[in-house]
N, C-alpha and C. Protein backbone atom coordinates (compact mmCIF):
# COMPACT_ATOMS: atom_id res chain seq x y z
N MET A 1 2.91 -88.45 -43.06
CA MET A 1 4.32 -88.86 -43.16
C MET A 1 4.38 -90.32 -43.59
N ASP A 2 5.10 -90.61 -44.69
CA ASP A 2 5.17 -91.98 -45.18
C ASP A 2 6.19 -92.79 -44.35
N LYS A 3 6.26 -94.10 -44.66
CA LYS A 3 7.11 -94.99 -43.85
C LYS A 3 8.58 -94.58 -43.90
N GLN A 4 9.06 -94.20 -45.07
CA GLN A 4 10.47 -93.80 -45.16
C GLN A 4 10.76 -92.58 -44.30
N SER A 5 9.84 -91.62 -44.32
CA SER A 5 10.02 -90.43 -43.49
C SER A 5 9.95 -90.76 -42.02
N ARG A 6 9.02 -91.67 -41.63
CA ARG A 6 8.92 -92.08 -40.23
C ARG A 6 10.19 -92.79 -39.78
N ASP A 7 10.71 -93.67 -40.64
CA ASP A 7 11.94 -94.38 -40.28
C ASP A 7 13.12 -93.41 -40.17
N THR A 8 13.18 -92.45 -41.08
CA THR A 8 14.24 -91.45 -41.04
C THR A 8 14.16 -90.63 -39.76
N TYR A 9 12.95 -90.22 -39.43
CA TYR A 9 12.72 -89.48 -38.18
C TYR A 9 13.20 -90.29 -36.98
N SER A 10 12.85 -91.57 -36.93
CA SER A 10 13.22 -92.42 -35.79
C SER A 10 14.74 -92.55 -35.66
N ILE A 11 15.42 -92.68 -36.79
CA ILE A 11 16.88 -92.82 -36.76
C ILE A 11 17.55 -91.54 -36.26
N ILE A 12 17.15 -90.41 -36.82
CA ILE A 12 17.77 -89.14 -36.41
C ILE A 12 17.42 -88.83 -34.96
N ARG A 13 16.18 -89.07 -34.58
CA ARG A 13 15.74 -88.83 -33.21
C ARG A 13 16.57 -89.65 -32.22
N GLU A 14 16.79 -90.93 -32.53
CA GLU A 14 17.56 -91.78 -31.63
C GLU A 14 19.00 -91.28 -31.52
N ARG A 15 19.57 -90.81 -32.60
CA ARG A 15 20.93 -90.28 -32.56
C ARG A 15 21.01 -89.03 -31.69
N ILE A 16 19.95 -88.24 -31.69
CA ILE A 16 19.91 -87.04 -30.85
C ILE A 16 19.73 -87.42 -29.39
N LEU A 17 18.82 -88.36 -29.12
CA LEU A 17 18.54 -88.74 -27.73
C LEU A 17 19.74 -89.38 -27.06
N THR A 18 20.50 -90.17 -27.81
CA THR A 18 21.65 -90.87 -27.23
C THR A 18 22.92 -90.03 -27.28
N LEU A 19 22.80 -88.79 -27.75
CA LEU A 19 23.92 -87.83 -27.82
C LEU A 19 24.93 -88.18 -28.89
N ASP A 20 24.60 -89.11 -29.79
CA ASP A 20 25.45 -89.34 -30.96
C ASP A 20 25.50 -88.06 -31.79
N LEU A 21 24.38 -87.33 -31.80
CA LEU A 21 24.34 -85.97 -32.32
C LEU A 21 24.15 -85.07 -31.09
N PRO A 22 25.22 -84.58 -30.50
CA PRO A 22 25.11 -83.87 -29.22
C PRO A 22 24.48 -82.50 -29.35
N PRO A 23 24.02 -81.95 -28.21
CA PRO A 23 23.46 -80.59 -28.22
C PRO A 23 24.43 -79.60 -28.85
N GLY A 24 23.88 -78.72 -29.67
CA GLY A 24 24.72 -77.72 -30.34
C GLY A 24 25.25 -78.15 -31.68
N SER A 25 25.05 -79.42 -32.06
CA SER A 25 25.54 -79.90 -33.36
C SER A 25 24.84 -79.18 -34.50
N LEU A 26 25.61 -78.81 -35.51
CA LEU A 26 25.05 -78.24 -36.72
C LEU A 26 24.78 -79.36 -37.71
N LEU A 27 23.56 -79.40 -38.22
CA LEU A 27 23.16 -80.43 -39.16
C LEU A 27 22.80 -79.80 -40.50
N SER A 28 22.76 -80.61 -41.51
CA SER A 28 22.26 -80.15 -42.80
C SER A 28 21.51 -81.30 -43.46
N GLU A 29 20.56 -80.94 -44.29
CA GLU A 29 19.81 -81.98 -45.01
C GLU A 29 20.74 -82.79 -45.89
N ASN A 30 21.72 -82.12 -46.50
CA ASN A 30 22.64 -82.81 -47.39
C ASN A 30 23.50 -83.82 -46.64
N SER A 31 24.07 -83.40 -45.50
CA SER A 31 24.96 -84.31 -44.76
C SER A 31 24.18 -85.47 -44.16
N LEU A 32 22.98 -85.20 -43.64
CA LEU A 32 22.16 -86.27 -43.10
C LEU A 32 21.74 -87.23 -44.21
N GLY A 33 21.36 -86.68 -45.36
CA GLY A 33 20.97 -87.53 -46.48
C GLY A 33 22.11 -88.42 -46.94
N ALA A 34 23.32 -87.84 -46.99
CA ALA A 34 24.49 -88.63 -47.42
C ALA A 34 24.80 -89.73 -46.43
N SER A 35 24.71 -89.44 -45.12
CA SER A 35 25.05 -90.44 -44.11
C SER A 35 24.02 -91.56 -44.05
N LEU A 36 22.77 -91.25 -44.39
CA LEU A 36 21.70 -92.25 -44.33
C LEU A 36 21.37 -92.84 -45.69
N GLY A 37 21.97 -92.30 -46.73
CA GLY A 37 21.69 -92.79 -48.07
C GLY A 37 20.29 -92.48 -48.54
N LEU A 38 19.80 -91.27 -48.19
CA LEU A 38 18.43 -90.91 -48.49
C LEU A 38 18.39 -89.57 -49.23
N SER A 39 17.28 -89.34 -49.91
CA SER A 39 17.06 -88.06 -50.57
C SER A 39 16.69 -87.01 -49.52
N ARG A 40 16.59 -85.75 -49.95
CA ARG A 40 16.32 -84.67 -49.02
C ARG A 40 14.87 -84.68 -48.53
N THR A 41 13.95 -85.27 -49.29
CA THR A 41 12.54 -85.19 -48.91
C THR A 41 12.25 -85.86 -47.56
N PRO A 42 12.62 -87.13 -47.33
CA PRO A 42 12.36 -87.71 -46.00
C PRO A 42 13.15 -87.03 -44.89
N ILE A 43 14.34 -86.54 -45.22
CA ILE A 43 15.13 -85.79 -44.23
C ILE A 43 14.39 -84.53 -43.82
N ARG A 44 13.87 -83.82 -44.80
CA ARG A 44 13.17 -82.56 -44.52
C ARG A 44 11.93 -82.81 -43.66
N GLU A 45 11.17 -83.88 -43.97
CA GLU A 45 9.99 -84.20 -43.18
C GLU A 45 10.36 -84.55 -41.74
N ALA A 46 11.45 -85.32 -41.58
CA ALA A 46 11.90 -85.70 -40.24
C ALA A 46 12.33 -84.48 -39.44
N ILE A 47 13.05 -83.58 -40.08
CA ILE A 47 13.54 -82.37 -39.40
C ILE A 47 12.36 -81.52 -38.94
N LYS A 48 11.33 -81.39 -39.75
CA LYS A 48 10.15 -80.61 -39.36
C LYS A 48 9.52 -81.19 -38.09
N ARG A 49 9.43 -82.51 -38.04
CA ARG A 49 8.84 -83.15 -36.86
C ARG A 49 9.73 -82.98 -35.65
N LEU A 50 11.02 -83.12 -35.82
CA LEU A 50 11.96 -82.95 -34.70
C LEU A 50 11.96 -81.51 -34.19
N GLU A 51 11.74 -80.56 -35.10
CA GLU A 51 11.64 -79.16 -34.68
C GLU A 51 10.40 -78.97 -33.80
N ARG A 52 9.29 -79.59 -34.17
CA ARG A 52 8.07 -79.47 -33.37
C ARG A 52 8.26 -80.06 -31.98
N GLU A 53 9.15 -81.04 -31.87
CA GLU A 53 9.41 -81.69 -30.59
C GLU A 53 10.55 -81.04 -29.81
N ASP A 54 11.06 -79.90 -30.31
CA ASP A 54 12.10 -79.12 -29.63
C ASP A 54 13.42 -79.87 -29.53
N LEU A 55 13.67 -80.78 -30.45
CA LEU A 55 14.95 -81.48 -30.47
C LEU A 55 15.94 -80.83 -31.44
N VAL A 56 15.42 -80.12 -32.43
CA VAL A 56 16.27 -79.31 -33.30
C VAL A 56 15.62 -77.94 -33.47
N ALA A 57 16.43 -76.98 -33.84
CA ALA A 57 15.94 -75.64 -34.17
C ALA A 57 16.48 -75.26 -35.54
N ILE A 58 15.66 -74.60 -36.33
CA ILE A 58 16.10 -74.10 -37.63
C ILE A 58 16.34 -72.61 -37.49
N LEU A 59 17.61 -72.21 -37.59
CA LEU A 59 18.01 -70.84 -37.30
C LEU A 59 18.44 -70.12 -38.59
N PRO A 60 18.00 -68.90 -38.77
CA PRO A 60 18.43 -68.14 -39.96
C PRO A 60 19.95 -68.00 -40.01
N ARG A 61 20.49 -68.26 -41.19
CA ARG A 61 21.93 -68.11 -41.48
C ARG A 61 22.82 -69.10 -40.74
N ARG A 62 22.21 -69.98 -39.91
CA ARG A 62 23.01 -71.02 -39.25
C ARG A 62 22.61 -72.41 -39.71
N GLY A 63 21.34 -72.59 -39.99
CA GLY A 63 20.87 -73.89 -40.43
C GLY A 63 20.18 -74.65 -39.31
N ILE A 64 20.36 -75.95 -39.32
CA ILE A 64 19.69 -76.84 -38.37
C ILE A 64 20.64 -77.10 -37.20
N VAL A 65 20.16 -76.84 -35.99
CA VAL A 65 20.99 -77.01 -34.79
C VAL A 65 20.26 -77.93 -33.81
N VAL A 66 20.98 -78.89 -33.26
CA VAL A 66 20.43 -79.72 -32.19
C VAL A 66 20.30 -78.84 -30.95
N THR A 67 19.11 -78.81 -30.37
CA THR A 67 18.87 -77.92 -29.22
C THR A 67 19.70 -78.33 -28.01
N GLU A 68 19.98 -77.36 -27.17
CA GLU A 68 20.70 -77.62 -25.92
C GLU A 68 19.76 -78.29 -24.91
N VAL A 69 20.35 -78.98 -23.96
CA VAL A 69 19.57 -79.55 -22.85
C VAL A 69 19.47 -78.46 -21.79
N ASP A 70 18.28 -77.93 -21.63
CA ASP A 70 18.05 -76.77 -20.76
C ASP A 70 17.44 -77.22 -19.44
N LEU A 71 18.08 -76.90 -18.34
CA LEU A 71 17.61 -77.35 -17.03
C LEU A 71 16.28 -76.70 -16.65
N LYS A 72 16.10 -75.43 -16.98
CA LYS A 72 14.82 -74.78 -16.69
C LYS A 72 13.69 -75.50 -17.42
N SER A 73 13.94 -75.92 -18.66
CA SER A 73 12.93 -76.66 -19.40
C SER A 73 12.61 -77.99 -18.74
N GLN A 74 13.64 -78.63 -18.16
CA GLN A 74 13.39 -79.90 -17.46
C GLN A 74 12.47 -79.68 -16.25
N LEU A 75 12.63 -78.57 -15.56
CA LEU A 75 11.72 -78.26 -14.45
C LEU A 75 10.30 -78.02 -14.97
N ASP A 76 10.18 -77.33 -16.10
CA ASP A 76 8.87 -77.10 -16.69
C ASP A 76 8.22 -78.42 -17.11
N LEU A 77 9.03 -79.33 -17.62
CA LEU A 77 8.51 -80.64 -18.02
C LEU A 77 8.00 -81.42 -16.81
N LEU A 78 8.69 -81.29 -15.69
CA LEU A 78 8.23 -81.96 -14.47
C LEU A 78 6.85 -81.45 -14.06
N GLU A 79 6.63 -80.15 -14.18
CA GLU A 79 5.32 -79.59 -13.86
C GLU A 79 4.25 -80.16 -14.78
N PHE A 80 4.59 -80.28 -16.05
CA PHE A 80 3.66 -80.85 -17.02
C PHE A 80 3.37 -82.32 -16.70
N ARG A 81 4.43 -83.06 -16.38
CA ARG A 81 4.27 -84.49 -16.11
C ARG A 81 3.42 -84.75 -14.86
N ARG A 82 3.47 -83.85 -13.90
CA ARG A 82 2.67 -84.05 -12.68
C ARG A 82 1.17 -84.09 -12.99
N GLY A 83 0.78 -83.54 -14.13
CA GLY A 83 -0.62 -83.62 -14.52
C GLY A 83 -0.88 -84.71 -15.53
N ILE A 84 -0.23 -84.62 -16.69
CA ILE A 84 -0.55 -85.49 -17.82
C ILE A 84 -0.03 -86.91 -17.62
N GLU A 85 1.23 -87.06 -17.21
CA GLU A 85 1.80 -88.40 -17.10
C GLU A 85 1.12 -89.20 -15.99
N ILE A 86 0.83 -88.56 -14.88
CA ILE A 86 0.12 -89.26 -13.81
C ILE A 86 -1.22 -89.78 -14.32
N ARG A 87 -1.95 -88.94 -15.04
CA ARG A 87 -3.25 -89.36 -15.58
C ARG A 87 -3.08 -90.54 -16.53
N LEU A 88 -2.08 -90.49 -17.41
CA LEU A 88 -1.87 -91.54 -18.40
C LEU A 88 -1.52 -92.87 -17.74
N ILE A 89 -0.55 -92.86 -16.83
CA ILE A 89 -0.10 -94.13 -16.24
C ILE A 89 -1.14 -94.69 -15.28
N ARG A 90 -1.82 -93.83 -14.54
CA ARG A 90 -2.91 -94.31 -13.69
C ARG A 90 -3.97 -95.00 -14.52
N ARG A 91 -4.37 -94.37 -15.59
CA ARG A 91 -5.41 -94.91 -16.46
C ARG A 91 -4.96 -96.25 -17.05
N GLY A 92 -3.71 -96.29 -17.52
CA GLY A 92 -3.19 -97.54 -18.08
C GLY A 92 -3.13 -98.65 -17.05
N ALA A 93 -2.70 -98.32 -15.83
CA ALA A 93 -2.61 -99.32 -14.77
C ALA A 93 -3.99 -99.87 -14.41
N GLU A 94 -4.98 -99.00 -14.42
CA GLU A 94 -6.35 -99.42 -14.10
C GLU A 94 -6.94 -100.31 -15.18
N ARG A 95 -6.61 -100.05 -16.44
CA ARG A 95 -7.28 -100.71 -17.56
C ARG A 95 -6.48 -101.84 -18.18
N ALA A 96 -5.25 -102.04 -17.75
CA ALA A 96 -4.41 -103.08 -18.35
C ALA A 96 -5.05 -104.46 -18.21
N SER A 97 -4.93 -105.26 -19.26
CA SER A 97 -5.43 -106.63 -19.23
C SER A 97 -4.49 -107.50 -18.39
N PRO A 98 -4.93 -108.69 -18.00
CA PRO A 98 -4.03 -109.58 -17.25
C PRO A 98 -2.72 -109.85 -18.00
N ALA A 99 -2.81 -110.02 -19.32
CA ALA A 99 -1.59 -110.28 -20.10
C ALA A 99 -0.67 -109.06 -20.09
N GLN A 100 -1.26 -107.87 -20.24
CA GLN A 100 -0.46 -106.64 -20.20
C GLN A 100 0.17 -106.45 -18.84
N ARG A 101 -0.60 -106.71 -17.80
CA ARG A 101 -0.08 -106.54 -16.45
C ARG A 101 1.05 -107.53 -16.18
N SER A 102 0.91 -108.75 -16.70
CA SER A 102 1.97 -109.74 -16.53
C SER A 102 3.26 -109.28 -17.20
N ARG A 103 3.13 -108.74 -18.40
CA ARG A 103 4.32 -108.27 -19.10
C ARG A 103 4.93 -107.08 -18.39
N ILE A 104 4.10 -106.19 -17.87
CA ILE A 104 4.62 -105.05 -17.11
C ILE A 104 5.41 -105.54 -15.90
N GLY A 105 4.93 -106.63 -15.27
CA GLY A 105 5.68 -107.20 -14.15
C GLY A 105 7.04 -107.69 -14.57
N GLU A 106 7.12 -108.30 -15.75
CA GLU A 106 8.42 -108.75 -16.27
C GLU A 106 9.33 -107.56 -16.56
N ILE A 107 8.75 -106.51 -17.11
CA ILE A 107 9.53 -105.30 -17.39
C ILE A 107 10.03 -104.68 -16.09
N ALA A 108 9.19 -104.71 -15.05
CA ALA A 108 9.61 -104.16 -13.76
C ALA A 108 10.86 -104.87 -13.25
N ALA A 109 10.88 -106.20 -13.36
CA ALA A 109 12.05 -106.96 -12.90
C ALA A 109 13.29 -106.61 -13.72
N LEU A 110 13.11 -106.48 -15.03
CA LEU A 110 14.23 -106.11 -15.90
C LEU A 110 14.72 -104.70 -15.58
N ALA A 111 13.78 -103.78 -15.34
CA ALA A 111 14.14 -102.40 -15.02
C ALA A 111 14.88 -102.33 -13.69
N GLU A 112 14.43 -103.10 -12.72
CA GLU A 112 15.11 -103.12 -11.41
C GLU A 112 16.55 -103.60 -11.54
N ALA A 113 16.76 -104.60 -12.40
CA ALA A 113 18.12 -105.10 -12.61
C ALA A 113 18.99 -104.04 -13.29
N CYS A 114 18.41 -103.34 -14.26
CA CYS A 114 19.17 -102.29 -14.95
C CYS A 114 19.47 -101.13 -14.00
N ALA A 115 18.51 -100.81 -13.13
CA ALA A 115 18.75 -99.73 -12.15
C ALA A 115 19.90 -100.09 -11.23
N ALA A 116 19.95 -101.36 -10.82
CA ALA A 116 21.01 -101.80 -9.91
C ALA A 116 22.38 -101.73 -10.58
N SER A 117 22.43 -102.02 -11.88
CA SER A 117 23.71 -102.03 -12.59
C SER A 117 24.03 -100.68 -13.24
N GLY A 118 23.03 -99.77 -13.27
CA GLY A 118 23.23 -98.48 -13.90
C GLY A 118 23.25 -98.55 -15.42
N ASP A 119 22.61 -99.58 -15.99
CA ASP A 119 22.60 -99.76 -17.44
C ASP A 119 21.49 -98.90 -18.04
N LEU A 120 21.82 -97.67 -18.40
CA LEU A 120 20.81 -96.73 -18.86
C LEU A 120 20.21 -97.13 -20.20
N SER A 121 21.03 -97.59 -21.14
CA SER A 121 20.52 -97.92 -22.47
C SER A 121 19.47 -99.02 -22.41
N GLN A 122 19.77 -100.09 -21.68
CA GLN A 122 18.79 -101.17 -21.57
C GLN A 122 17.57 -100.73 -20.77
N TYR A 123 17.80 -99.90 -19.76
CA TYR A 123 16.68 -99.41 -18.98
C TYR A 123 15.71 -98.64 -19.87
N ILE A 124 16.23 -97.78 -20.71
CA ILE A 124 15.38 -97.00 -21.60
C ILE A 124 14.62 -97.90 -22.57
N ALA A 125 15.26 -98.96 -23.04
CA ALA A 125 14.57 -99.90 -23.93
C ALA A 125 13.38 -100.53 -23.22
N HIS A 126 13.57 -100.93 -21.95
CA HIS A 126 12.47 -101.53 -21.19
C HIS A 126 11.40 -100.47 -20.87
N ASP A 127 11.83 -99.27 -20.56
CA ASP A 127 10.88 -98.20 -20.24
C ASP A 127 10.05 -97.84 -21.47
N THR A 128 10.67 -97.88 -22.65
CA THR A 128 9.95 -97.61 -23.89
C THR A 128 8.84 -98.64 -24.11
N GLU A 129 9.15 -99.90 -23.82
CA GLU A 129 8.11 -100.94 -23.95
C GLU A 129 7.01 -100.73 -22.92
N PHE A 130 7.39 -100.36 -21.70
CA PHE A 130 6.39 -100.06 -20.67
C PHE A 130 5.46 -98.94 -21.13
N ASP A 131 6.03 -97.88 -21.68
CA ASP A 131 5.21 -96.77 -22.16
C ASP A 131 4.23 -97.24 -23.23
N ALA A 132 4.71 -98.09 -24.14
CA ALA A 132 3.85 -98.57 -25.23
C ALA A 132 2.67 -99.37 -24.68
N ILE A 133 2.91 -100.20 -23.68
CA ILE A 133 1.83 -101.00 -23.10
C ILE A 133 0.85 -100.10 -22.37
N ILE A 134 1.36 -99.15 -21.61
CA ILE A 134 0.49 -98.22 -20.88
C ILE A 134 -0.37 -97.43 -21.85
N GLU A 135 0.24 -96.96 -22.93
CA GLU A 135 -0.51 -96.18 -23.91
C GLU A 135 -1.61 -97.01 -24.55
N GLN A 136 -1.31 -98.26 -24.84
CA GLN A 136 -2.31 -99.14 -25.43
C GLN A 136 -3.45 -99.40 -24.45
N ALA A 137 -3.09 -99.64 -23.20
CA ALA A 137 -4.11 -99.92 -22.19
C ALA A 137 -4.95 -98.68 -21.88
N ALA A 138 -4.31 -97.53 -21.81
CA ALA A 138 -5.02 -96.30 -21.47
C ALA A 138 -5.99 -95.90 -22.57
N ASP A 139 -5.58 -96.12 -23.82
CA ASP A 139 -6.45 -95.89 -24.97
C ASP A 139 -6.98 -94.45 -25.01
N ASN A 140 -6.05 -93.50 -24.89
CA ASN A 140 -6.42 -92.09 -25.01
C ASN A 140 -5.32 -91.40 -25.81
N ARG A 141 -5.57 -91.19 -27.10
CA ARG A 141 -4.52 -90.69 -27.98
C ARG A 141 -4.07 -89.28 -27.63
N PHE A 142 -4.93 -88.51 -26.98
CA PHE A 142 -4.56 -87.15 -26.62
C PHE A 142 -3.51 -87.16 -25.51
N LEU A 143 -3.70 -88.02 -24.51
CA LEU A 143 -2.69 -88.17 -23.46
C LEU A 143 -1.39 -88.69 -24.05
N THR A 144 -1.50 -89.70 -24.91
CA THR A 144 -0.32 -90.31 -25.51
C THR A 144 0.45 -89.30 -26.35
N ASN A 145 -0.26 -88.57 -27.21
CA ASN A 145 0.42 -87.60 -28.08
C ASN A 145 1.06 -86.47 -27.28
N ALA A 146 0.45 -86.11 -26.16
CA ALA A 146 1.03 -85.06 -25.32
C ALA A 146 2.34 -85.51 -24.69
N MET A 147 2.45 -86.80 -24.36
CA MET A 147 3.62 -87.30 -23.63
C MET A 147 4.79 -87.68 -24.52
N LYS A 148 4.55 -88.04 -25.77
CA LYS A 148 5.64 -88.54 -26.61
C LYS A 148 6.83 -87.58 -26.70
N PRO A 149 6.64 -86.31 -27.02
CA PRO A 149 7.82 -85.42 -27.07
C PRO A 149 8.45 -85.19 -25.70
N VAL A 150 7.64 -85.27 -24.65
CA VAL A 150 8.17 -85.11 -23.29
C VAL A 150 9.11 -86.26 -22.95
N HIS A 151 8.70 -87.48 -23.27
CA HIS A 151 9.56 -88.64 -23.03
C HIS A 151 10.93 -88.45 -23.70
N ALA A 152 10.90 -87.96 -24.93
CA ALA A 152 12.16 -87.79 -25.66
C ALA A 152 13.08 -86.80 -24.96
N LEU A 153 12.55 -85.66 -24.55
CA LEU A 153 13.38 -84.64 -23.91
C LEU A 153 13.91 -85.12 -22.57
N VAL A 154 13.10 -85.86 -21.83
CA VAL A 154 13.53 -86.37 -20.52
C VAL A 154 14.61 -87.43 -20.70
N ARG A 155 14.43 -88.32 -21.66
CA ARG A 155 15.43 -89.37 -21.87
C ARG A 155 16.75 -88.80 -22.34
N ARG A 156 16.70 -87.76 -23.18
CA ARG A 156 17.95 -87.13 -23.60
C ARG A 156 18.67 -86.51 -22.41
N PHE A 157 17.90 -85.88 -21.51
CA PHE A 157 18.52 -85.31 -20.31
C PHE A 157 19.26 -86.37 -19.51
N TRP A 158 18.63 -87.54 -19.32
CA TRP A 158 19.28 -88.57 -18.51
C TRP A 158 20.51 -89.14 -19.21
N HIS A 159 20.52 -89.12 -20.53
CA HIS A 159 21.75 -89.52 -21.22
C HIS A 159 22.90 -88.56 -20.89
N THR A 160 22.59 -87.29 -20.69
CA THR A 160 23.64 -86.34 -20.32
C THR A 160 24.14 -86.58 -18.90
N GLN A 161 23.38 -87.32 -18.10
CA GLN A 161 23.76 -87.58 -16.71
C GLN A 161 24.38 -88.96 -16.51
N ARG A 162 24.64 -89.64 -17.62
CA ARG A 162 25.24 -90.97 -17.54
C ARG A 162 26.54 -90.92 -16.73
N GLY A 163 26.69 -91.87 -15.81
CA GLY A 163 27.89 -91.95 -14.99
C GLY A 163 27.80 -91.22 -13.67
N ARG A 164 26.78 -90.38 -13.48
CA ARG A 164 26.61 -89.67 -12.21
C ARG A 164 25.99 -90.59 -11.17
N SER A 165 26.32 -90.36 -9.94
CA SER A 165 25.88 -91.26 -8.86
C SER A 165 24.37 -91.23 -8.66
N ALA A 166 23.71 -90.14 -9.06
CA ALA A 166 22.26 -90.03 -8.87
C ALA A 166 21.47 -90.86 -9.86
N LEU A 167 22.09 -91.31 -10.94
CA LEU A 167 21.34 -92.00 -11.98
C LEU A 167 20.71 -93.31 -11.50
N PRO A 168 21.46 -94.22 -10.87
CA PRO A 168 20.82 -95.46 -10.41
C PRO A 168 19.66 -95.22 -9.45
N GLU A 169 19.76 -94.21 -8.61
CA GLU A 169 18.68 -93.89 -7.68
C GLU A 169 17.43 -93.46 -8.43
N ALA A 170 17.61 -92.63 -9.46
CA ALA A 170 16.46 -92.18 -10.25
C ALA A 170 15.84 -93.35 -11.01
N LEU A 171 16.67 -94.22 -11.57
CA LEU A 171 16.15 -95.38 -12.29
C LEU A 171 15.39 -96.31 -11.34
N ASP A 172 15.91 -96.49 -10.14
CA ASP A 172 15.25 -97.34 -9.17
C ASP A 172 13.88 -96.80 -8.79
N GLN A 173 13.79 -95.48 -8.62
CA GLN A 173 12.50 -94.88 -8.28
C GLN A 173 11.51 -95.05 -9.42
N HIS A 174 11.98 -94.92 -10.64
CA HIS A 174 11.08 -95.13 -11.78
C HIS A 174 10.65 -96.59 -11.87
N ALA A 175 11.55 -97.50 -11.53
CA ALA A 175 11.18 -98.93 -11.53
C ALA A 175 10.06 -99.20 -10.53
N ARG A 176 10.02 -98.43 -9.45
CA ARG A 176 8.93 -98.56 -8.48
C ARG A 176 7.58 -98.19 -9.11
N VAL A 177 7.61 -97.21 -10.00
CA VAL A 177 6.40 -96.84 -10.73
C VAL A 177 5.92 -98.00 -11.59
N ILE A 178 6.85 -98.62 -12.31
CA ILE A 178 6.51 -99.75 -13.18
C ILE A 178 5.95 -100.90 -12.35
N ARG A 179 6.56 -101.16 -11.20
CA ARG A 179 6.09 -102.24 -10.32
C ARG A 179 4.68 -101.95 -9.82
N ALA A 180 4.40 -100.71 -9.47
CA ALA A 180 3.06 -100.35 -9.01
C ALA A 180 2.03 -100.55 -10.12
N ALA A 181 2.40 -100.21 -11.35
CA ALA A 181 1.50 -100.42 -12.49
C ALA A 181 1.26 -101.91 -12.72
N ALA A 182 2.31 -102.71 -12.58
CA ALA A 182 2.17 -104.16 -12.73
C ALA A 182 1.22 -104.74 -11.70
N ASP A 183 1.22 -104.16 -10.52
CA ASP A 183 0.35 -104.65 -9.44
C ASP A 183 -1.08 -104.11 -9.57
N GLY A 184 -1.31 -103.26 -10.58
CA GLY A 184 -2.64 -102.70 -10.76
C GLY A 184 -3.06 -101.80 -9.61
N ALA A 185 -2.11 -101.01 -9.11
CA ALA A 185 -2.36 -100.15 -7.94
C ALA A 185 -2.22 -98.68 -8.34
N PRO A 186 -3.29 -98.09 -8.88
CA PRO A 186 -3.19 -96.71 -9.39
C PRO A 186 -2.81 -95.68 -8.34
N GLU A 187 -3.28 -95.86 -7.10
CA GLU A 187 -2.90 -94.91 -6.04
C GLU A 187 -1.41 -94.97 -5.78
N ARG A 188 -0.87 -96.19 -5.79
CA ARG A 188 0.57 -96.34 -5.58
C ARG A 188 1.36 -95.80 -6.77
N VAL A 189 0.81 -95.98 -7.97
CA VAL A 189 1.43 -95.39 -9.16
C VAL A 189 1.60 -93.89 -8.97
N GLU A 190 0.52 -93.24 -8.54
CA GLU A 190 0.57 -91.79 -8.37
C GLU A 190 1.57 -91.40 -7.28
N ALA A 191 1.59 -92.14 -6.18
CA ALA A 191 2.51 -91.83 -5.09
C ALA A 191 3.96 -91.99 -5.53
N GLU A 192 4.25 -93.07 -6.26
CA GLU A 192 5.63 -93.32 -6.70
C GLU A 192 6.04 -92.30 -7.76
N LEU A 193 5.11 -91.91 -8.64
CA LEU A 193 5.42 -90.88 -9.62
C LEU A 193 5.70 -89.55 -8.94
N SER A 194 4.90 -89.21 -7.95
CA SER A 194 5.12 -87.95 -7.23
C SER A 194 6.48 -87.95 -6.55
N ALA A 195 6.85 -89.10 -5.98
CA ALA A 195 8.18 -89.21 -5.36
C ALA A 195 9.28 -89.06 -6.40
N LEU A 196 9.05 -89.63 -7.59
CA LEU A 196 10.03 -89.51 -8.67
C LEU A 196 10.19 -88.05 -9.10
N TYR A 197 9.08 -87.35 -9.26
CA TYR A 197 9.15 -85.96 -9.67
C TYR A 197 9.85 -85.11 -8.61
N ASP A 198 9.54 -85.35 -7.34
CA ASP A 198 10.19 -84.61 -6.26
C ASP A 198 11.70 -84.86 -6.28
N GLN A 199 12.07 -86.12 -6.46
CA GLN A 199 13.49 -86.49 -6.49
C GLN A 199 14.19 -85.80 -7.67
N ASN A 200 13.57 -85.85 -8.84
CA ASN A 200 14.16 -85.24 -10.02
C ASN A 200 14.27 -83.72 -9.88
N GLU A 201 13.24 -83.12 -9.29
CA GLU A 201 13.24 -81.67 -9.12
C GLU A 201 14.40 -81.23 -8.23
N GLN A 202 14.60 -81.93 -7.13
CA GLN A 202 15.70 -81.59 -6.24
C GLN A 202 17.05 -81.80 -6.92
N TYR A 203 17.14 -82.84 -7.73
CA TYR A 203 18.39 -83.11 -8.42
C TYR A 203 18.70 -81.99 -9.43
N ILE A 204 17.69 -81.60 -10.20
CA ILE A 204 17.90 -80.55 -11.21
C ILE A 204 18.21 -79.22 -10.55
N LEU A 205 17.50 -78.89 -9.46
CA LEU A 205 17.80 -77.65 -8.75
C LEU A 205 19.23 -77.65 -8.23
N GLY A 206 19.70 -78.83 -7.82
CA GLY A 206 21.09 -78.94 -7.36
C GLY A 206 22.07 -78.67 -8.49
N LEU A 207 21.73 -79.11 -9.70
CA LEU A 207 22.60 -78.85 -10.85
C LEU A 207 22.62 -77.37 -11.21
N MET A 208 21.54 -76.67 -10.91
CA MET A 208 21.42 -75.27 -11.27
C MET A 208 22.14 -74.33 -10.30
N THR A 209 22.46 -74.82 -9.11
CA THR A 209 23.08 -73.95 -8.09
C THR A 209 24.59 -74.10 -8.10
């Protein structure tokens, strides 16, 4: 995928994650190309990648559809994260350099402030930087590649929960994970992640009943 296609993918993906293109939206290569001022080729490449990440579906006789946010899938993702994400963040916390750990500490403070104010957009920006540092420190492309589409689906779900009272609590618990990584405490990272998954699972089950 060339740079133009990667940039196109990033733009469309961000619009989907932030619900600017909400679940169920019908898309077309022509309309996306017109809105972005691009030819169909980079649009087509971006759509193929987004389909692999379960953010869009290509349906016969309907075209391109933004996938729905499915609660059962969120529970399945939690099961996946209990294995892969714990391994990734533990490894990153163990291997982070002093400079990386210092920056993670700064991100933890920023994330805590966003959790207190319920600022989801800024929180996600800080969390994205945290993920990038962890991935660099962990230095395992297989773990990283496995988690990238998961992060996208989880972040889109939380955008659908914006304004709910449970959101600041979930953000605060995730900030505890970042703080544990900053302290270089892999056992605490795992404990805080497990608490986060338990909290999210109960919340999603509550939405399903």
